[in-house]
Amino acid sequence: MGMVRRLSQVLGFTNNKIRNISFKSLDPPLPLPSPSLNHGIHVFHCPDAVGIVAKLSECIASRGGNILSADVFVPQNKQVFYSRSDFVFDPVKWPRMQMEEDFLNLSQAFNAMKSVVRVPALDPKYKIAVLASKQDHCLVDLLHGWQDGRFPVDITCVISNHHRDSNTHVFHFLERHGIPYHFLSMTKDNKREGEILELVQNTDFVVLARYMQILSGKFLRSYGNDVINIHHGLLPSFKGGNPSKQAFEAGVKLIGATSHFVTEELDGGPIIEQMVERVSHKDNLQSFVQKSENLEKQCLSKAIRSYCELRVLPYEGKKTVVF
């Protein structure tokens, strides 16, 4: 995964039924956390077993921490366990390195396939690169969201196959905030992937903000981290180009946007987030596109936040668990 990696783990008990549980403390409401407390996030994926919840709770409580909320998912007849927990702790009583060691021990005890802990106030922000083409709406929304602090990321650069003049809003914004802009002219036979790969090295993940070029399997394997895309259609319907036009001509009553991980299968990667809006016979292609663009901005923004908050876990290859 393209993120700052931290070993840890979470929750578990056995049953043959689906368990999709959210819970909070049944004790009386606690006072607001002290300013001296830090917030931690912990996700875990392991073979299902008895006692994972108890051991996790014991681990956190023994260091003076407190679980604020937790989500658990155990799919039917799969014998696998997924969890995400929010907790608070005193960094004096539970130093970050000690936390690493404690969660590592739990991870090893339950043979975890994935175990990640993050402390947003202490850990580095995610480093991302953004790829975009001619249309600006998703790029502009992402840049302003970053400026407003909605995303715990540092944008290392913006890469585009479309030239932007120095008097454009995007160019001024990037220049004002010191974010490099790289224009790479492309042809059918040369997608400049080698140069893109150099520019995105040392990033935690890449965002495609309406980047209208297909990244090759070779590029994805060489990069090795996650790539998040926004598709202006409700996948798996209307794959490929001009999905709004496809949807309009099909006479759909709902249009949508889909944010998903990029794989070698065109528009076929695991879905992170989807949003829809109702349309009718009164809409024309222009209003279809306008509504679609609004959905795209919201959907991509939600997907990035969910990813950064460790809410997204892989599930059965083509699926995701999103807490």
Protein backbone atom coordinates (compact mmCIF):
# COMPACT_ATOMS: atom_id res chain seq x y z
CA MET A 1 0.00 0.00 0.00
CA GLY A 2 1.18 3.57 -0.70
CA MET A 3 1.20 4.82 2.83
CA VAL A 4 3.44 5.25 5.84
CA ARG A 5 3.52 1.70 7.12
CA ARG A 6 3.14 0.87 10.79
CA LEU A 7 2.91 -2.65 12.21
CA SER A 8 0.09 -3.37 14.64
CA GLN A 9 -3.22 -5.22 14.79
CA VAL A 10 -6.80 -5.56 16.05
CA LEU A 11 -9.85 -7.55 17.01
CA GLY A 12 -11.34 -11.08 16.57
CA PHE A 13 -13.64 -13.95 17.49
CA THR A 14 -15.11 -16.84 15.51
CA ASN A 15 -18.50 -17.61 14.06
CA ASN A 16 -19.89 -18.82 10.75
CA LYS A 17 -22.18 -15.82 10.36
CA ILE A 18 -21.33 -12.44 8.95
CA ARG A 19 -20.26 -10.01 11.65
CA ASN A 20 -20.30 -6.39 10.66
CA ILE A 21 -20.17 -4.58 13.96
CA SER A 22 -19.63 -1.04 15.15
CA PHE A 23 -19.42 -0.38 18.85
CA LYS A 24 -18.53 2.28 21.34
CA SER A 25 -18.01 2.21 25.08
CA LEU A 26 -21.19 1.47 27.06
CA ASP A 27 -19.87 3.51 29.99
CA PRO A 28 -21.21 7.02 30.61
CA PRO A 29 -19.89 9.57 28.10
CA LEU A 30 -16.29 10.47 28.76
CA PRO A 31 -15.10 14.07 28.96
CA LEU A 32 -13.40 15.44 25.92
CA PRO A 33 -9.86 14.08 25.50
CA SER A 34 -7.15 16.06 27.25
CA PRO A 35 -5.00 18.20 24.95
CA SER A 36 -2.10 16.00 26.04
CA LEU A 37 -3.73 12.93 24.46
CA ASN A 38 -3.05 11.84 20.88
CA HIS A 39 -5.45 10.15 18.50
CA GLY A 40 -4.46 6.82 16.95
CA ILE A 41 -5.95 4.69 14.16
CA HIS A 42 -5.36 0.98 13.90
CA VAL A 43 -6.45 -1.47 11.20
CA PHE A 44 -6.03 -5.19 11.11
CA HIS A 45 -6.57 -8.10 8.71
CA CYS A 46 -5.80 -11.62 9.88
CA PRO A 47 -7.17 -15.18 10.03
CA ASP A 48 -10.23 -15.18 12.28
CA ALA A 49 -9.57 -16.45 15.79
CA VAL A 50 -10.89 -16.27 19.32
CA GLY A 51 -9.56 -13.47 21.48
CA ILE A 52 -8.32 -10.82 19.07
CA VAL A 53 -10.67 -8.15 20.43
CA ALA A 54 -9.69 -8.98 24.00
CA LYS A 55 -5.98 -8.88 23.26
CA LEU A 56 -6.23 -5.60 21.40
CA SER A 57 -8.25 -3.98 24.18
CA GLU A 58 -5.80 -5.30 26.74
CA CYS A 59 -2.85 -3.96 24.76
CA ILE A 60 -4.29 -0.45 24.55
CA ALA A 61 -5.69 -0.35 28.10
CA SER A 62 -2.47 -1.65 29.65
CA ARG A 63 -0.69 1.43 28.29
CA GLY A 64 -3.37 3.80 29.58
CA GLY A 65 -5.10 4.19 26.19
CA ASN A 66 -8.83 4.17 25.51
CA ILE A 67 -10.69 2.82 22.47
CA LEU A 68 -13.24 5.39 21.31
CA SER A 69 -14.83 3.31 18.56
CA ALA A 70 -14.20 0.14 16.58
CA ASP A 71 -15.56 -1.54 13.47
CA VAL A 72 -15.35 -5.29 12.84
CA PHE A 73 -16.15 -7.33 9.74
CA VAL A 74 -15.92 -11.12 9.45
CA PRO A 75 -17.41 -12.37 6.14
CA GLN A 76 -19.45 -15.55 6.13
CA ASN A 77 -17.48 -18.81 5.83
CA LYS A 78 -14.24 -16.98 5.00
CA GLN A 79 -12.40 -17.32 8.33
CA VAL A 80 -10.80 -13.91 7.95
CA PHE A 81 -11.06 -10.90 10.19
CA TYR A 82 -11.05 -7.16 9.48
CA SER A 83 -11.06 -4.34 11.98
CA ARG A 84 -10.47 -0.62 12.41
CA SER A 85 -10.18 1.11 15.78
CA ASP A 86 -9.95 4.74 16.90
CA PHE A 87 -8.23 5.29 20.23
CA VAL A 88 -6.60 7.97 22.34
CA PHE A 89 -3.42 7.66 24.36
CA ASP A 90 -0.87 9.65 26.32
CA PRO A 91 2.39 9.70 24.30
CA VAL A 92 4.35 10.06 27.54
CA LYS A 93 2.92 6.81 28.91
CA TRP A 94 2.94 5.07 25.53
CA PRO A 95 5.84 6.30 23.35
CA ARG A 96 5.49 5.79 19.62
CA MET A 97 8.29 3.24 19.39
CA GLN A 98 6.82 1.21 22.25
CA MET A 99 3.47 1.27 20.45
CA GLU A 100 5.18 -0.17 17.36
CA GLU A 101 6.63 -3.00 19.39
CA ASP A 102 3.36 -3.77 21.18
CA PHE A 103 1.33 -3.94 17.98
CA LEU A 104 4.06 -5.93 16.27
CA ASN A 105 3.81 -8.56 18.99
CA LEU A 106 0.04 -8.78 18.50
CA SER A 107 0.48 -8.95 14.75
CA GLN A 108 2.85 -11.87 15.04
CA ALA A 109 0.63 -13.64 17.57
CA PHE A 110 -2.32 -13.68 15.13
CA ASN A 111 -0.36 -14.10 11.86
CA ALA A 112 -1.71 -10.84 10.48
CA MET A 113 -1.77 -10.32 6.72
CA LYS A 114 -2.07 -6.56 7.19
CA SER A 115 -1.56 -4.53 10.33
CA VAL A 116 -1.17 -0.76 10.29
CA VAL A 117 -1.23 1.90 12.99
CA ARG A 118 -1.14 5.63 12.40
CA VAL A 119 -0.93 8.60 14.74
CA PRO A 120 -1.80 11.63 12.57
CA ALA A 121 -0.34 14.18 14.97
CA LEU A 122 3.03 12.42 15.10
CA ASP A 123 3.41 10.60 11.79
CA PRO A 124 4.49 12.26 8.53
CA LYS A 125 1.80 13.34 6.10
CA TYR A 126 1.30 11.17 3.04
CA LYS A 127 3.29 12.31 0.04
CA ILE A 128 1.23 12.22 -3.15
CA ALA A 129 1.57 13.16 -6.79
CA VAL A 130 -1.44 14.23 -8.85
CA LEU A 131 -1.90 13.41 -12.54
CA ALA A 132 -4.44 15.43 -14.53
CA SER A 133 -5.39 16.16 -18.12
CA LYS A 134 -7.32 19.10 -19.57
CA GLN A 135 -10.37 19.19 -17.29
CA ASP A 136 -9.64 21.08 -14.07
CA HIS A 137 -12.62 20.48 -11.78
CA CYS A 138 -11.22 17.52 -9.82
CA LEU A 139 -7.71 18.99 -9.72
CA VAL A 140 -8.94 22.38 -8.48
CA ASP A 141 -11.17 20.78 -5.84
CA LEU A 142 -8.27 18.61 -4.65
CA LEU A 143 -5.90 21.59 -4.45
CA HIS A 144 -8.37 23.69 -2.46
CA GLY A 145 -9.15 20.73 -0.19
CA TRP A 146 -5.44 20.38 0.48
CA GLN A 147 -5.17 24.13 1.17
CA ASP A 148 -8.10 23.92 3.62
CA GLY A 149 -6.52 21.01 5.48
CA ARG A 150 -9.10 18.41 4.45
CA PHE A 151 -6.40 15.93 3.44
CA PRO A 152 -3.38 14.89 5.53
CA VAL A 153 -1.11 14.97 2.48
CA ASP A 154 1.77 16.88 0.96
CA ILE A 155 1.44 17.30 -2.81
CA THR A 156 4.89 16.77 -4.30
CA CYS A 157 3.93 17.73 -7.86
CA VAL A 158 1.20 17.91 -10.49
CA ILE A 159 1.85 16.13 -13.77
CA SER A 160 -0.21 16.69 -16.90
CA ASN A 161 -0.31 15.86 -20.58
CA HIS A 162 -2.07 19.20 -21.11
CA HIS A 163 -0.25 22.52 -21.29
CA ARG A 164 -1.54 25.23 -18.94
CA ASP A 165 -0.70 28.87 -19.51
CA SER A 166 1.02 30.82 -16.75
CA ASN A 167 -2.05 33.06 -16.37
CA THR A 168 -4.44 30.22 -15.43
CA HIS A 169 -5.89 29.74 -11.94
CA VAL A 170 -4.25 26.33 -11.55
CA PHE A 171 -0.82 27.61 -12.55
CA HIS A 172 -1.05 30.59 -10.17
CA PHE A 173 -2.17 28.36 -7.31
CA LEU A 174 0.66 25.89 -7.81
CA GLU A 175 3.23 28.65 -8.15
CA ARG A 176 1.98 30.43 -5.03
CA HIS A 177 2.23 27.24 -2.96
CA GLY A 178 5.51 26.02 -4.44
CA ILE A 179 4.07 22.88 -6.03
CA PRO A 180 5.95 21.90 -9.22
CA TYR A 181 3.91 21.53 -12.42
CA HIS A 182 5.24 19.18 -15.08
CA PHE A 183 3.80 19.28 -18.59
CA LEU A 184 4.68 16.15 -20.54
CA SER A 185 3.57 16.18 -24.15
CA MET A 186 2.45 12.69 -25.18
CA THR A 187 1.78 10.74 -28.34
CA LYS A 188 -0.01 7.47 -28.97
CA ASP A 189 3.32 5.66 -28.93
CA ASN A 190 5.01 7.58 -26.12
CA LYS A 191 3.13 8.10 -22.85
CA ARG A 192 6.28 9.35 -21.05
CA GLU A 193 5.82 6.75 -18.33
CA GLY A 194 9.53 6.58 -17.54
CA GLU A 195 9.59 10.28 -16.75
CA ILE A 196 6.36 10.06 -14.75
CA LEU A 197 7.85 7.19 -12.76
CA GLU A 198 10.86 9.31 -11.85
CA LEU A 199 8.61 12.17 -10.73
CA VAL A 200 6.42 10.01 -8.49
CA GLN A 201 9.24 8.14 -6.79
CA ASN A 202 9.16 8.47 -3.00
CA THR A 203 5.42 9.19 -2.96
CA ASP A 204 3.02 7.13 -0.87
CA PHE A 205 0.28 7.04 -3.52
CA VAL A 206 -0.78 8.70 -6.75
CA VAL A 207 -4.11 10.38 -7.53
CA LEU A 208 -5.53 10.53 -11.05
CA ALA A 209 -7.68 13.67 -11.09
CA ARG A 210 -9.33 13.05 -14.46
CA TYR A 211 -6.09 11.91 -16.08
CA MET A 212 -7.25 10.68 -19.46
CA GLN A 213 -4.35 8.36 -20.23
CA ILE A 214 -4.09 4.65 -19.45
CA LEU A 215 -1.23 3.65 -17.19
CA SER A 216 0.42 0.43 -18.32
CA GLY A 217 0.83 -2.68 -16.23
CA LYS A 218 4.59 -2.15 -16.42
CA PHE A 219 4.23 1.30 -14.88
CA LEU A 220 1.95 0.04 -12.10
CA ARG A 221 4.33 -2.79 -11.24
CA SER A 222 7.35 -0.48 -11.29
CA TYR A 223 5.67 2.12 -9.09
CA GLY A 224 4.48 -0.49 -6.61
CA ASN A 225 2.16 1.74 -4.54
CA ASP A 226 -1.54 2.47 -4.85
CA VAL A 227 -2.99 4.64 -7.61
CA ILE A 228 -6.47 6.10 -7.02
CA ASN A 229 -8.62 7.10 -9.99
CA ILE A 230 -11.93 8.93 -10.41
CA HIS A 231 -14.18 7.58 -13.16
CA HIS A 232 -17.03 9.76 -14.38
CA GLY A 233 -19.52 6.91 -14.42
CA LEU A 234 -21.13 4.35 -12.15
CA LEU A 235 -18.90 1.32 -12.64
CA PRO A 236 -19.09 -1.41 -13.76
CA SER A 237 -21.47 0.26 -16.24
CA PHE A 238 -20.18 2.69 -18.87
CA LYS A 239 -16.49 1.87 -18.78
CA GLY A 240 -13.99 3.63 -21.01
CA GLY A 241 -14.42 7.02 -22.65
CA ASN A 242 -17.42 9.36 -22.62
CA PRO A 243 -19.42 7.57 -19.90
CA SER A 244 -21.73 10.58 -19.46
CA LYS A 245 -22.64 10.40 -23.15
CA GLN A 246 -23.09 6.64 -22.86
CA ALA A 247 -25.38 7.10 -19.86
CA PHE A 248 -27.35 9.89 -21.54
CA GLU A 249 -27.94 7.82 -24.67
CA ALA A 250 -28.96 4.83 -22.53
CA GLY A 251 -31.64 6.94 -20.84
CA VAL A 252 -30.51 6.15 -17.28
CA LYS A 253 -32.36 7.63 -14.31
CA LEU A 254 -29.31 7.61 -12.03
CA ILE A 255 -25.84 8.89 -12.90
CA GLY A 256 -22.79 8.34 -10.77
CA ALA A 257 -19.09 8.64 -10.16
CA THR A 258 -16.69 5.93 -9.00
CA SER A 259 -13.36 6.18 -7.26
CA HIS A 260 -11.29 3.03 -7.52
CA PHE A 261 -7.79 1.61 -7.38
CA VAL A 262 -6.06 1.40 -10.74
CA THR A 263 -5.16 -2.05 -12.03
CA GLU A 264 -4.21 -3.40 -15.43
CA GLU A 265 -7.90 -3.99 -16.15
CA LEU A 266 -9.36 -0.78 -17.56
CA ASP A 267 -11.75 0.76 -15.00
CA GLY A 268 -11.84 -2.61 -13.26
CA GLY A 269 -9.91 -2.01 -10.04
CA PRO A 270 -11.38 -2.41 -6.53
CA ILE A 271 -13.97 0.27 -5.80
CA ILE A 272 -13.36 2.67 -2.91
CA GLU A 273 -16.33 5.03 -3.18
CA GLN A 274 -19.38 5.62 -5.38
CA MET A 275 -21.93 8.45 -5.46
CA VAL A 276 -25.13 8.86 -7.45
CA GLU A 277 -27.63 11.54 -8.40
CA ARG A 278 -31.04 11.24 -10.00
CA VAL A 279 -31.61 12.53 -13.54
CA SER A 280 -34.66 12.57 -15.77
CA HIS A 281 -35.85 13.06 -19.31
CA LYS A 282 -35.64 16.81 -18.67
CA ASP A 283 -31.86 16.66 -18.47
CA ASN A 284 -29.71 17.17 -21.54
CA LEU A 285 -26.13 16.07 -22.10
CA GLN A 286 -24.80 19.35 -20.66
CA SER A 287 -26.72 18.99 -17.40
CA PHE A 288 -25.65 15.32 -17.25
CA VAL A 289 -22.03 16.41 -17.43
CA GLN A 290 -22.46 19.20 -14.86
CA LYS A 291 -24.05 16.85 -12.36
CA SER A 292 -21.43 14.23 -13.08
CA GLU A 293 -18.57 16.68 -12.45
CA ASN A 294 -20.00 17.62 -9.05
CA LEU A 295 -20.23 13.95 -8.14
CA GLU A 296 -16.68 13.32 -9.31
CA LYS A 297 -15.25 16.01 -7.02
CA GLN A 298 -17.16 14.73 -3.99
CA CYS A 299 -16.40 11.08 -4.72
CA LEU A 300 -12.66 11.56 -5.23
CA SER A 301 -12.40 13.73 -2.12
CA LYS A 302 -14.20 11.12 -0.01
CA ALA A 303 -12.02 8.32 -1.37
CA ILE A 304 -8.79 10.16 -0.56
CA ARG A 305 -9.95 10.94 2.98
CA SER A 306 -11.04 7.33 3.53
CA TYR A 307 -7.70 6.05 2.28
CA CYS A 308 -5.70 8.43 4.47
CA GLU A 309 -7.82 7.55 7.51
CA LEU A 310 -7.06 3.83 6.99
CA ARG A 311 -10.69 3.01 6.24
CA VAL A 312 -9.98 1.00 3.08
CA LEU A 313 -8.81 -2.63 3.16
CA PRO A 314 -8.50 -5.10 0.24
CA TYR A 315 -11.08 -7.88 0.21
CA GLU A 316 -11.19 -10.91 -2.10
CA GLY A 317 -9.03 -9.42 -4.79
CA LYS A 318 -11.50 -7.16 -6.59
CA LYS A 319 -13.39 -5.87 -3.57
CA THR A 320 -12.70 -3.57 -0.64
CA VAL A 321 -13.82 -3.27 2.96
CA VAL A 322 -14.46 0.41 3.68
CA PHE A 323 -15.08 1.20 7.34
